[in-house]
Amino acid sequence: MTLTPAPEPVVPRPGPAAPPAADGPDAGPVLPRAVCEAALTALLLFLIVTAVRWLVGPDPGSAAARPAVLGGVVGILLALLMLSPPGRCSGGHLNPAVTLALWRLGVFPGREVVPYAVAQLAGSVSGVWCAGLVWGPAAGRPPVRHASVRADPAWGDAAVLAAEAGVLAGSTLMLAVLLASPGGRRVLPYAVGLTTALVIGVLGPLSGGSANPARQFGPALLAGDTGRLWVYVLGPAVGAVLGAWCAEWTGLRRPPR
């Protein structure tokens, strides 16, 4: 489900985690970085809908392989977006829960959490909408449904909430460890991409494997699939706070801003 100043990427995100933006007053105005977050999130969601449209739409076969393939695709996309120039500018969070986690870890200014989250959610909606324009009715019809994730019917709200929170708590601890050293920061985009791929591949068929409010926000709105949207928004946020608390308890967290 990224510290250093603005030109460097700092931590990651579509999936469970992402990189932190620049750390400190010399990071520059928040608006250009929030715009980068919106554009990156829009591109990520556009590509996710595109991947789901071609993995699920045309061929009803090979269903067992789809979560693993989609997870690999999203993980690679996430790492590339984090390493891109806009990702280096904003930190490439692409996930409101990651932004929240980075703030609680003390590596992101609290005053910029809301602008980043708004930009990420707006990017989610616009990316899914653009995918609908490009792919037409096929993007909105079942089984694609704008790539809105759905849990297995056997999974109730509490189980999905716990899974979403658990993924973000673990991801936040991973961020805390990697951000503690320059070497860890360098491998962060790849670690986040790999973690995202594993979460989608393993939890996708069970809880939905979103671990990112922006991942589900746009798809759920455009698909009219908002019944469990609160779970996919609240779960990662709770996990981010819980993971930061665990990092503080273990001595990994810097004081929050």
C-alpha atoms as a PDB file:
ATOM      1  CA  MET A   1       0.000   0.000   0.000  1.00  0.00           C
ATOM      2  CA  THR A   2       7.135   6.828  -0.277  1.00  0.00           C
ATOM      3  CA  LEU A   3      13.625  11.384   4.344  1.00  0.00           C
ATOM      4  CA  THR A   4      14.950  13.723   1.972  1.00  0.00           C
ATOM      5  CA  PRO A   5      14.122  16.881   0.135  1.00  0.00           C
ATOM      6  CA  ALA A   6      11.774  17.116  -2.797  1.00  0.00           C
ATOM      7  CA  PRO A   7      13.839  15.990  -5.783  1.00  0.00           C
ATOM      8  CA  GLU A   8      14.263  12.496  -4.299  1.00  0.00           C
ATOM      9  CA  PRO A   9      11.511   9.919  -4.138  1.00  0.00           C
ATOM     10  CA  VAL A  10      10.762   8.969  -0.683  1.00  0.00           C
ATOM     11  CA  VAL A  11       8.277   6.140  -0.160  1.00  0.00           C
ATOM     12  CA  PRO A  12       5.415   4.391  -2.026  1.00  0.00           C
ATOM     13  CA  ARG A  13       1.417   3.116  -3.646  1.00  0.00           C
ATOM     14  CA  PRO A  14      -2.463   1.543  -5.776  1.00  0.00           C
ATOM     15  CA  GLY A  15      -1.551  -1.150  -3.529  1.00  0.00           C
ATOM     16  CA  PRO A  16      -0.870  -1.203   0.072  1.00  0.00           C
ATOM     17  CA  ALA A  17       1.887   1.282   0.470  1.00  0.00           C
ATOM     18  CA  ALA A  18       3.851   4.042  -1.265  1.00  0.00           C
ATOM     19  CA  PRO A  19       6.779   6.582  -0.813  1.00  0.00           C
ATOM     20  CA  PRO A  20       6.779   9.739   1.302  1.00  0.00           C
ATOM     21  CA  ALA A  21       7.015  13.113  -0.166  1.00  0.00           C
ATOM     22  CA  ALA A  22       9.770  15.526   0.568  1.00  0.00           C
ATOM     23  CA  ASP A  23      10.513  16.060   4.208  1.00  0.00           C
ATOM     24  CA  GLY A  24      10.899  19.591   5.424  1.00  0.00           C
ATOM     25  CA  PRO A  25      10.027  23.193   4.642  1.00  0.00           C
ATOM     26  CA  ASP A  26      12.262  23.254   1.579  1.00  0.00           C
ATOM     27  CA  ALA A  27       9.972  20.729  -0.138  1.00  0.00           C
ATOM     28  CA  GLY A  28       8.252  23.603  -1.913  1.00  0.00           C
ATOM     29  CA  PRO A  29       4.561  24.453  -2.341  1.00  0.00           C
ATOM     30  CA  VAL A  30       2.148  21.617  -1.785  1.00  0.00           C
ATOM     31  CA  LEU A  31      -0.015  22.326  -4.852  1.00  0.00           C
ATOM     32  CA  PRO A  32       2.434  21.082  -7.538  1.00  0.00           C
ATOM     33  CA  ARG A  33       3.119  17.948  -5.536  1.00  0.00           C
ATOM     34  CA  ALA A  34      -0.586  17.324  -4.946  1.00  0.00           C
ATOM     35  CA  VAL A  35      -1.170  17.700  -8.689  1.00  0.00           C
ATOM     36  CA  CYS A  36       1.510  15.071  -9.287  1.00  0.00           C
ATOM     37  CA  GLU A  37      -0.271  12.772  -6.825  1.00  0.00           C
ATOM     38  CA  ALA A  38      -3.567  13.286  -8.627  1.00  0.00           C
ATOM     39  CA  ALA A  39      -2.029  12.611 -12.046  1.00  0.00           C
ATOM     40  CA  LEU A  40      -0.130   9.524 -10.877  1.00  0.00           C
ATOM     41  CA  THR A  41      -3.179   8.078  -9.132  1.00  0.00           C
ATOM     42  CA  ALA A  42      -5.321   8.748 -12.210  1.00  0.00           C
ATOM     43  CA  LEU A  43      -2.798   6.975 -14.428  1.00  0.00           C
ATOM     44  CA  LEU A  44      -2.561   4.059 -12.012  1.00  0.00           C
ATOM     45  CA  LEU A  45      -6.336   3.591 -11.886  1.00  0.00           C
ATOM     46  CA  PHE A  46      -6.647   3.977 -15.654  1.00  0.00           C
ATOM     47  CA  LEU A  47      -4.095   1.195 -16.117  1.00  0.00           C
ATOM     48  CA  ILE A  48      -5.719  -0.999 -13.458  1.00  0.00           C
ATOM     49  CA  VAL A  49      -9.117  -0.747 -15.179  1.00  0.00           C
ATOM     50  CA  THR A  50      -7.403  -1.471 -18.494  1.00  0.00           C
ATOM     51  CA  ALA A  51      -5.668  -4.537 -17.057  1.00  0.00           C
ATOM     52  CA  VAL A  52      -8.887  -5.839 -15.497  1.00  0.00           C
ATOM     53  CA  ARG A  53     -10.802  -5.190 -18.715  1.00  0.00           C
ATOM     54  CA  TRP A  54      -8.422  -7.395 -20.697  1.00  0.00           C
ATOM     55  CA  LEU A  55      -7.815 -10.013 -18.012  1.00  0.00           C
ATOM     56  CA  VAL A  56     -11.463 -10.487 -17.089  1.00  0.00           C
ATOM     57  CA  GLY A  57     -13.576  -9.143 -19.933  1.00  0.00           C
ATOM     58  CA  PRO A  58     -12.697 -11.017 -23.097  1.00  0.00           C
ATOM     59  CA  ASP A  59     -11.850 -14.476 -21.745  1.00  0.00           C
ATOM     60  CA  PRO A  60     -13.762 -16.184 -18.941  1.00  0.00           C
ATOM     61  CA  GLY A  61     -11.070 -18.844 -18.641  1.00  0.00           C
ATOM     62  CA  SER A  62      -7.899 -18.991 -16.542  1.00  0.00           C
ATOM     63  CA  ALA A  63      -9.663 -17.370 -13.590  1.00  0.00           C
ATOM     64  CA  ALA A  64      -7.240 -18.881 -11.075  1.00  0.00           C
ATOM     65  CA  ALA A  65      -4.286 -17.064 -12.615  1.00  0.00           C
ATOM     66  CA  ARG A  66      -5.898 -13.631 -12.781  1.00  0.00           C
ATOM     67  CA  PRO A  67      -5.122 -12.372  -9.240  1.00  0.00           C
ATOM     68  CA  ALA A  68      -1.452 -13.311  -9.574  1.00  0.00           C
ATOM     69  CA  VAL A  69      -1.154 -11.727 -13.018  1.00  0.00           C
ATOM     70  CA  LEU A  70      -3.005  -8.587 -11.963  1.00  0.00           C
ATOM     71  CA  GLY A  71      -0.908  -8.366  -8.810  1.00  0.00           C
ATOM     72  CA  GLY A  72       2.293  -8.566 -10.818  1.00  0.00           C
ATOM     73  CA  VAL A  73       1.099  -5.918 -13.262  1.00  0.00           C
ATOM     74  CA  VAL A  74      -0.001  -3.502 -10.525  1.00  0.00           C
ATOM     75  CA  GLY A  75       3.170  -4.063  -8.501  1.00  0.00           C
ATOM     76  CA  ILE A  76       5.380  -3.239 -11.493  1.00  0.00           C
ATOM     77  CA  LEU A  77       3.270  -0.199 -12.405  1.00  0.00           C
ATOM     78  CA  LEU A  78       3.432   1.094  -8.861  1.00  0.00           C
ATOM     79  CA  ALA A  79       7.218   0.817  -8.657  1.00  0.00           C
ATOM     80  CA  LEU A  80       7.612   2.547 -12.040  1.00  0.00           C
ATOM     81  CA  LEU A  81       5.282   5.393 -11.079  1.00  0.00           C
ATOM     82  CA  MET A  82       7.127   5.918  -7.809  1.00  0.00           C
ATOM     83  CA  LEU A  83      10.434   6.121  -9.683  1.00  0.00           C
ATOM     84  CA  SER A  84       9.090   8.480 -12.361  1.00  0.00           C
ATOM     85  CA  PRO A  85       9.865  12.227 -12.257  1.00  0.00           C
ATOM     86  CA  PRO A  86       6.363  13.105 -10.918  1.00  0.00           C
ATOM     87  CA  GLY A  87       6.745  10.342  -8.345  1.00  0.00           C
ATOM     88  CA  ARG A  88      10.061  11.793  -7.253  1.00  0.00           C
ATOM     89  CA  CYS A  89       8.451  15.219  -7.004  1.00  0.00           C
ATOM     90  CA  SER A  90       5.514  14.183  -4.804  1.00  0.00           C
ATOM     91  CA  GLY A  91       6.957  11.106  -3.119  1.00  0.00           C
ATOM     92  CA  GLY A  92       4.625   8.837  -5.066  1.00  0.00           C
ATOM     93  CA  HIS A  93       2.281   7.888  -2.227  1.00  0.00           C
ATOM     94  CA  LEU A  94      -0.752   7.159  -4.454  1.00  0.00           C
ATOM     95  CA  ASN A  95      -2.583   6.006  -1.357  1.00  0.00           C
ATOM     96  CA  PRO A  96      -4.259   8.179   1.316  1.00  0.00           C
ATOM     97  CA  ALA A  97      -3.528   5.548   3.964  1.00  0.00           C
ATOM     98  CA  VAL A  98       0.179   5.661   3.110  1.00  0.00           C
ATOM     99  CA  THR A  99       0.151   9.451   3.381  1.00  0.00           C
ATOM    100  CA  LEU A 100      -1.477   9.093   6.795  1.00  0.00           C
ATOM    101  CA  ALA A 101       1.079   6.471   7.830  1.00  0.00           C
ATOM    102  CA  LEU A 102       4.009   8.634   6.756  1.00  0.00           C
ATOM    103  CA  TRP A 103       2.661  11.527   8.777  1.00  0.00           C
ATOM    104  CA  ARG A 104       2.300   9.345  11.853  1.00  0.00           C
ATOM    105  CA  LEU A 105       5.815   8.012  11.258  1.00  0.00           C
ATOM    106  CA  GLY A 106       7.073  11.601  11.392  1.00  0.00           C
ATOM    107  CA  VAL A 107       8.344  11.828   7.804  1.00  0.00           C
ATOM    108  CA  PHE A 108       5.525  13.836   6.217  1.00  0.00           C
ATOM    109  CA  PRO A 109       3.997  17.156   7.333  1.00  0.00           C
ATOM    110  CA  GLY A 110       0.540  16.837   8.839  1.00  0.00           C
ATOM    111  CA  ARG A 111      -0.722  20.003   7.126  1.00  0.00           C
ATOM    112  CA  GLU A 112      -0.318  18.301   3.744  1.00  0.00           C
ATOM    113  CA  VAL A 113      -2.187  15.082   4.515  1.00  0.00           C
ATOM    114  CA  VAL A 114      -5.609  16.427   3.468  1.00  0.00           C
ATOM    115  CA  PRO A 115      -4.422  18.030   0.177  1.00  0.00           C
ATOM    116  CA  TYR A 116      -2.664  14.802  -0.764  1.00  0.00           C
ATOM    117  CA  ALA A 117      -5.673  12.634   0.138  1.00  0.00           C
ATOM    118  CA  VAL A 118      -8.073  14.848  -1.816  1.00  0.00           C
ATOM    119  CA  ALA A 119      -5.746  14.769  -4.831  1.00  0.00           C
ATOM    120  CA  GLN A 120      -5.423  10.984  -4.681  1.00  0.00           C
ATOM    121  CA  LEU A 121      -9.176  10.412  -4.451  1.00  0.00           C
ATOM    122  CA  ALA A 122      -9.852  12.885  -7.259  1.00  0.00           C
ATOM    123  CA  GLY A 123      -7.216  11.143  -9.357  1.00  0.00           C
ATOM    124  CA  SER A 124      -8.895   7.808  -8.679  1.00  0.00           C
ATOM    125  CA  VAL A 125     -12.253   9.046 -10.000  1.00  0.00           C
ATOM    126  CA  SER A 126     -10.766  10.744 -13.044  1.00  0.00           C
ATOM    127  CA  GLY A 127      -8.600   7.762 -13.976  1.00  0.00           C
ATOM    128  CA  VAL A 128     -11.529   5.345 -13.842  1.00  0.00           C
ATOM    129  CA  TRP A 129     -13.709   7.800 -15.791  1.00  0.00           C
ATOM    130  CA  CYS A 130     -11.065   8.115 -18.519  1.00  0.00           C
ATOM    131  CA  ALA A 131     -10.807   4.336 -18.734  1.00  0.00           C
ATOM    132  CA  GLY A 132     -14.557   4.210 -19.281  1.00  0.00           C
ATOM    133  CA  LEU A 133     -14.257   6.690 -22.127  1.00  0.00           C
ATOM    134  CA  VAL A 134     -11.490   4.663 -23.780  1.00  0.00           C
ATOM    135  CA  TRP A 135     -12.938   1.173 -23.343  1.00  0.00           C
ATOM    136  CA  GLY A 136     -16.600   2.030 -23.588  1.00  0.00           C
ATOM    137  CA  PRO A 137     -19.447   0.014 -22.052  1.00  0.00           C
ATOM    138  CA  ALA A 138     -17.189  -3.015 -21.536  1.00  0.00           C
ATOM    139  CA  ALA A 139     -15.436  -1.194 -18.699  1.00  0.00           C
ATOM    140  CA  GLY A 140     -18.659  -0.712 -16.758  1.00  0.00           C
ATOM    141  CA  ARG A 141     -20.431  -4.008 -17.363  1.00  0.00           C
ATOM    142  CA  PRO A 142     -19.897  -7.157 -15.275  1.00  0.00           C
ATOM    143  CA  PRO A 143     -17.496  -8.734 -14.680  1.00  0.00           C
ATOM    144  CA  VAL A 144     -15.217  -5.701 -15.103  1.00  0.00           C
ATOM    145  CA  ARG A 145     -17.396  -3.118 -13.313  1.00  0.00           C
ATOM    146  CA  HIS A 146     -14.742  -0.393 -13.494  1.00  0.00           C
ATOM    147  CA  ALA A 147     -12.330  -2.735 -11.627  1.00  0.00           C
ATOM    148  CA  SER A 148     -14.270  -2.360  -8.369  1.00  0.00           C
ATOM    149  CA  VAL A 149     -13.006  -4.980  -5.915  1.00  0.00           C
ATOM    150  CA  ARG A 150     -15.372  -7.351  -4.165  1.00  0.00           C
ATOM    151  CA  ALA A 151     -14.767  -9.679  -1.263  1.00  0.00           C
ATOM    152  CA  ASP A 152     -15.674 -13.339  -1.270  1.00  0.00           C
ATOM    153  CA  PRO A 153     -19.303 -13.689  -0.066  1.00  0.00           C
ATOM    154  CA  ALA A 154     -18.044 -15.672   2.937  1.00  0.00           C
ATOM    155  CA  TRP A 155     -16.095 -12.629   4.144  1.00  0.00           C
ATOM    156  CA  GLY A 156     -18.142 -10.275   6.309  1.00  0.00           C
ATOM    157  CA  ASP A 157     -17.446  -6.608   6.923  1.00  0.00           C
ATOM    158  CA  ALA A 158     -15.392  -7.313  10.050  1.00  0.00           C
ATOM    159  CA  ALA A 159     -13.155  -9.806   8.255  1.00  0.00           C
ATOM    160  CA  VAL A 160     -12.533  -7.454   5.324  1.00  0.00           C
ATOM    161  CA  LEU A 161     -11.866  -4.555   7.703  1.00  0.00           C
ATOM    162  CA  ALA A 162      -9.356  -6.653   9.637  1.00  0.00           C
ATOM    163  CA  ALA A 163      -7.590  -7.773   6.448  1.00  0.00           C
ATOM    164  CA  GLU A 164      -7.353  -4.229   5.085  1.00  0.00           C
ATOM    165  CA  ALA A 165      -6.103  -2.890   8.414  1.00  0.00           C
ATOM    166  CA  GLY A 166      -3.619  -5.729   8.828  1.00  0.00           C
ATOM    167  CA  VAL A 167      -2.055  -5.148   5.415  1.00  0.00           C
ATOM    168  CA  LEU A 168      -1.566  -1.431   6.100  1.00  0.00           C
ATOM    169  CA  ALA A 169      -0.228  -2.043   9.596  1.00  0.00           C
ATOM    170  CA  GLY A 170       2.372  -4.426   8.196  1.00  0.00           C
ATOM    171  CA  SER A 171       3.169  -2.079   5.319  1.00  0.00           C
ATOM    172  CA  THR A 172       3.631   0.829   7.730  1.00  0.00           C
ATOM    173  CA  LEU A 173       6.104  -1.181   9.780  1.00  0.00           C
ATOM    174  CA  MET A 174       7.948  -2.055   6.578  1.00  0.00           C
ATOM    175  CA  LEU A 175       8.093   1.630   5.670  1.00  0.00           C
ATOM    176  CA  ALA A 176       9.439   2.493   9.105  1.00  0.00           C
ATOM    177  CA  VAL A 177      12.234  -0.061   8.770  1.00  0.00           C
ATOM    178  CA  LEU A 178      13.203   0.870   5.212  1.00  0.00           C
ATOM    179  CA  LEU A 179      13.072   4.603   5.849  1.00  0.00           C
ATOM    180  CA  ALA A 180      15.485   4.236   8.740  1.00  0.00           C
ATOM    181  CA  SER A 181      18.470   3.908   6.379  1.00  0.00           C
ATOM    182  CA  PRO A 182      19.535   5.293   2.992  1.00  0.00           C
ATOM    183  CA  GLY A 183      19.880   1.755   1.644  1.00  0.00           C
ATOM    184  CA  GLY A 184      16.326   0.944   2.664  1.00  0.00           C
ATOM    185  CA  ARG A 185      15.017   4.073   0.962  1.00  0.00           C
ATOM    186  CA  ARG A 186      16.657   3.077  -2.297  1.00  0.00           C
ATOM    187  CA  VAL A 187      14.893  -0.285  -2.414  1.00  0.00           C
ATOM    188  CA  LEU A 188      11.587   1.074  -1.121  1.00  0.00           C
ATOM    189  CA  PRO A 189       9.760   1.347  -4.492  1.00  0.00           C
ATOM    190  CA  TYR A 190      10.651  -2.256  -5.310  1.00  0.00           C
ATOM    191  CA  ALA A 191       9.642  -3.484  -1.857  1.00  0.00           C
ATOM    192  CA  VAL A 192       6.309  -1.688  -2.130  1.00  0.00           C
ATOM    193  CA  GLY A 193       5.700  -3.058  -5.606  1.00  0.00           C
ATOM    194  CA  LEU A 194       6.449  -6.606  -4.463  1.00  0.00           C
ATOM    195  CA  THR A 195       4.256  -6.247  -1.378  1.00  0.00           C
ATOM    196  CA  THR A 196       1.396  -4.917  -3.496  1.00  0.00           C
ATOM    197  CA  ALA A 197       1.715  -7.828  -5.919  1.00  0.00           C
ATOM    198  CA  LEU A 198       1.594 -10.337  -3.060  1.00  0.00           C
ATOM    199  CA  VAL A 199      -1.401  -8.662  -1.408  1.00  0.00           C
ATOM    200  CA  ILE A 200      -3.413  -8.662  -4.635  1.00  0.00           C
ATOM    201  CA  GLY A 201      -2.399 -12.204  -5.535  1.00  0.00           C
ATOM    202  CA  VAL A 202      -3.196 -13.656  -2.107  1.00  0.00           C
ATOM    203  CA  LEU A 203      -6.018 -11.510  -0.738  1.00  0.00           C
ATOM    204  CA  GLY A 204      -7.615 -10.464  -4.029  1.00  0.00           C
ATOM    205  CA  PRO A 205      -9.911 -13.511  -4.239  1.00  0.00           C
ATOM    206  CA  LEU A 206     -10.701 -13.288  -0.491  1.00  0.00           C
ATOM    207  CA  SER A 207     -11.009  -9.751   0.892  1.00  0.00           C
ATOM    208  CA  GLY A 208     -10.570  -7.931  -2.419  1.00  0.00           C
ATOM    209  CA  GLY A 209      -6.951  -7.003  -1.698  1.00  0.00           C
ATOM    210  CA  SER A 210      -7.384  -3.240  -2.091  1.00  0.00           C
ATOM    211  CA  ALA A 211      -5.370  -1.907   0.875  1.00  0.00           C
ATOM    212  CA  ASN A 212      -5.717   1.569  -0.628  1.00  0.00           C
ATOM    213  CA  PRO A 213      -8.778   3.838  -0.318  1.00  0.00           C
ATOM    214  CA  ALA A 214      -7.941   5.444  -3.673  1.00  0.00           C
ATOM    215  CA  ARG A 215      -7.825   2.017  -5.333  1.00  0.00           C
ATOM    216  CA  GLN A 216     -11.474   1.375  -4.518  1.00  0.00           C
ATOM    217  CA  PHE A 217     -12.898   4.898  -4.305  1.00  0.00           C
ATOM    218  CA  GLY A 218     -13.203   5.729  -8.016  1.00  0.00           C
ATOM    219  CA  PRO A 219     -14.153   2.221  -9.178  1.00  0.00           C
ATOM    220  CA  ALA A 220     -16.825   1.848  -6.475  1.00  0.00           C
ATOM    221  CA  LEU A 221     -18.370   5.246  -7.212  1.00  0.00           C
ATOM    222  CA  LEU A 222     -18.577   4.736 -10.961  1.00  0.00           C
ATOM    223  CA  ALA A 223     -19.787   1.148 -10.603  1.00  0.00           C
ATOM    224  CA  GLY A 224     -22.412   2.103  -8.022  1.00  0.00           C
ATOM    225  CA  ASP A 225     -20.778  -0.427  -5.714  1.00  0.00           C
ATOM    226  CA  THR A 226     -20.564   1.707  -2.586  1.00  0.00           C
ATOM    227  CA  GLY A 227     -22.099  -0.633  -0.023  1.00  0.00           C
ATOM    228  CA  ARG A 228     -18.732  -1.648   1.419  1.00  0.00           C
ATOM    229  CA  LEU A 229     -16.748   1.391   0.373  1.00  0.00           C
ATOM    230  CA  TRP A 230     -16.530   2.534   3.999  1.00  0.00           C
ATOM    231  CA  VAL A 231     -14.713  -0.709   4.865  1.00  0.00           C
ATOM    232  CA  TYR A 232     -12.106  -0.175   2.151  1.00  0.00           C
ATOM    233  CA  VAL A 233     -11.583   3.423   3.321  1.00  0.00           C
ATOM    234  CA  LEU A 234     -11.620   2.893   7.084  1.00  0.00           C
ATOM    235  CA  GLY A 235      -9.628  -0.349   7.196  1.00  0.00           C
ATOM    236  CA  PRO A 236      -6.405   0.984   5.639  1.00  0.00           C
ATOM    237  CA  ALA A 237      -6.624   4.202   7.699  1.00  0.00           C
ATOM    238  CA  VAL A 238      -6.946   2.220  10.937  1.00  0.00           C
ATOM    239  CA  GLY A 239      -4.071  -0.010   9.857  1.00  0.00           C
ATOM    240  CA  ALA A 240      -1.849   2.983   9.104  1.00  0.00           C
ATOM    241  CA  VAL A 241      -2.409   4.451  12.569  1.00  0.00           C
ATOM    242  CA  LEU A 242      -1.982   1.068  14.241  1.00  0.00           C
ATOM    243  CA  GLY A 243       1.220   0.334  12.320  1.00  0.00           C
ATOM    244  CA  ALA A 244       2.678   3.725  13.246  1.00  0.00           C
ATOM    245  CA  TRP A 245       1.795   3.082  16.888  1.00  0.00           C
ATOM    246  CA  CYS A 246       3.607  -0.266  16.724  1.00  0.00           C
ATOM    247  CA  ALA A 247       6.590   1.464  15.117  1.00  0.00           C
ATOM    248  CA  GLU A 248       6.644   3.958  17.973  1.00  0.00           C
ATOM    249  CA  TRP A 249       6.370   1.193  20.534  1.00  0.00           C
ATOM    250  CA  THR A 250       9.334  -0.614  18.976  1.00  0.00           C
ATOM    251  CA  GLY A 251      11.352   2.611  18.683  1.00  0.00           C
ATOM    252  CA  LEU A 252      11.246   2.860  14.873  1.00  0.00           C
ATOM    253  CA  ARG A 253       9.133   5.999  14.552  1.00  0.00           C
ATOM    254  CA  ARG A 254      10.323   9.579  14.503  1.00  0.00           C
ATOM    255  CA  PRO A 255       8.153  12.094  16.391  1.00  0.00           C
ATOM    256  CA  PRO A 256       5.151  13.143  14.244  1.00  0.00           C
ATOM    257  CA  ARG A 257       5.021  16.676  12.873  1.00  0.00           C
END
